Protein backbone atom coordinates (compact mmCIF):
# COMPACT_ATOMS: atom_id res chain seq x y z
CA MET A 1 -1.36 -7.93 16.79
CA THR A 2 1.26 -6.69 14.32
CA GLU A 3 4.02 -4.25 15.30
CA ALA A 4 3.17 -0.60 14.68
CA ALA A 5 6.42 0.40 12.90
CA PRO A 6 5.83 -1.50 9.61
CA ILE A 7 2.17 -0.47 9.56
CA ASN A 8 3.08 3.17 10.14
CA ALA A 9 5.65 3.05 7.33
CA ILE A 10 3.12 1.52 4.93
CA MET A 11 0.38 4.00 5.84
CA ARG A 12 2.78 6.94 5.59
CA ALA A 13 3.99 5.72 2.19
CA LEU A 14 0.47 5.26 0.83
CA ALA A 15 -0.95 8.46 2.35
CA ASP A 16 0.39 10.57 -0.51
CA PRO A 17 -1.95 10.39 -3.56
CA THR A 18 0.89 10.69 -6.07
CA ARG A 19 2.87 7.95 -4.34
CA ARG A 20 -0.26 5.78 -4.29
CA ALA A 21 -0.65 6.31 -8.04
CA VAL A 22 3.00 5.37 -8.59
CA PHE A 23 2.49 2.24 -6.46
CA GLU A 24 -0.62 1.29 -8.45
CA ARG A 25 1.33 1.59 -11.71
CA VAL A 26 4.14 -0.57 -10.31
CA VAL A 27 1.61 -3.17 -9.13
CA SER A 28 -0.09 -3.25 -12.54
CA SER A 29 3.15 -4.10 -14.36
CA ASP A 30 5.62 -6.94 -13.97
CA GLU A 31 8.55 -4.53 -13.82
CA ILE A 32 8.78 -0.86 -14.68
CA THR A 33 11.50 1.79 -14.85
CA VAL A 34 11.48 5.35 -13.54
CA VAL A 35 11.40 6.62 -17.13
CA GLU A 36 8.27 4.57 -17.86
CA LEU A 37 6.65 5.74 -14.63
CA THR A 38 7.45 9.38 -15.45
CA ARG A 39 5.92 9.18 -18.93
CA GLY A 40 2.43 10.67 -18.86
CA SER A 41 2.40 11.13 -15.08
CA GLY A 42 2.87 14.90 -14.97
CA VAL A 43 5.52 14.35 -12.27
CA THR A 44 9.26 14.88 -12.68
CA GLN A 45 11.66 11.97 -12.84
CA GLY A 46 13.29 13.15 -9.60
CA ALA A 47 9.94 13.16 -7.81
CA ILE A 48 9.12 9.67 -9.09
CA SER A 49 12.49 8.48 -7.78
CA GLN A 50 11.74 9.97 -4.36
CA HIS A 51 8.32 8.29 -4.27
CA LEU A 52 9.90 4.97 -5.22
CA LYS A 53 12.46 5.40 -2.45
CA ALA A 54 9.68 5.86 0.11
CA LEU A 55 7.80 2.85 -1.27
CA LYS A 56 10.97 0.77 -1.12
CA GLN A 57 11.68 1.82 2.49
CA ALA A 58 8.13 0.79 3.41
CA GLY A 59 8.75 -2.64 1.85
CA LEU A 60 6.20 -2.16 -0.90
CA VAL A 61 8.52 -2.28 -3.91
CA ALA A 62 11.82 -3.93 -4.78
CA GLU A 63 14.37 -2.88 -7.35
CA ARG A 64 16.53 -4.78 -9.81
CA PRO A 65 19.40 -2.88 -11.41
CA GLU A 66 20.31 -3.89 -14.94
CA GLY A 67 23.01 -1.83 -16.60
CA ARG A 68 21.99 1.83 -16.44
CA LYS A 69 18.34 1.04 -15.73
CA VAL A 70 16.66 0.06 -12.50
CA TYR A 71 13.50 -2.01 -12.70
CA TYR A 72 10.89 -1.78 -9.95
CA ARG A 73 8.33 -4.41 -9.03
CA ALA A 74 5.78 -4.77 -6.26
CA GLN A 75 6.80 -6.77 -3.21
CA PRO A 76 4.21 -9.56 -2.85
CA ASP A 77 4.23 -9.50 0.95
CA GLY A 78 4.66 -5.74 1.34
CA LEU A 79 1.07 -5.08 2.38
CA GLU A 80 0.86 -8.08 4.71
CA PRO A 81 1.37 -6.14 7.98
CA LEU A 82 -1.40 -3.74 6.99
CA LEU A 83 -3.73 -6.60 6.01
CA ASP A 84 -3.08 -8.33 9.34
CA TRP A 85 -3.85 -5.11 11.19
CA MET A 86 -7.04 -4.54 9.20
CA SER A 87 -8.25 -8.11 9.71
CA HIS A 88 -7.91 -7.63 13.47
CA TYR A 89 -10.26 -4.65 13.31
CA GLY A 90 -12.53 -6.44 10.84
CA VAL A 91 -13.30 -9.01 13.55
CA PHE A 92 -13.91 -6.15 16.01
CA TRP A 93 -16.46 -4.46 13.72
CA ARG A 94 -18.19 -7.69 12.66
CA GLU A 95 -18.83 -8.49 16.33
CA ARG A 96 -20.15 -4.97 16.98
CA PHE A 97 -22.50 -5.07 13.99
CA ALA A 98 -23.77 -8.51 15.03
CA ASN A 99 -24.49 -7.14 18.51
CA LEU A 100 -26.25 -4.12 17.01
CA ARG A 101 -28.34 -6.36 14.75
CA THR A 102 -29.41 -8.43 17.77
CA LEU A 103 -30.26 -5.31 19.77
CA LEU A 104 -32.31 -3.84 16.93
CA LYS A 105 -34.29 -7.09 16.60
CA GLU A 106 -35.02 -7.00 20.33
CA ILE A 107 -36.16 -3.39 20.17
CA ASP A 108 -38.30 -3.79 17.05
CA PRO A 109 -39.26 -7.42 16.44
């Protein structure tokens, strides 16, 4: 199974609803600046920057400085540790539901 540290960082980063909304906006665009993310969000530019910092530390976004602007984009493999972890438990639950289905058929044919 995957190491806990990257999964914990990803879950901690995505636990905050505002940060999740910022991440969704980054994912839905090729590249986006802090100014563009701030527009219409109801969140200050400083707060957006802090959310981006947390997302970057979790490996979910990358930045590309260009002059005075910094462009953010989603990291394609950023969610991979979480997906690996979830797939492990998906197998666990599929087996349990299959066993339950079998048991229920035995009880009530």
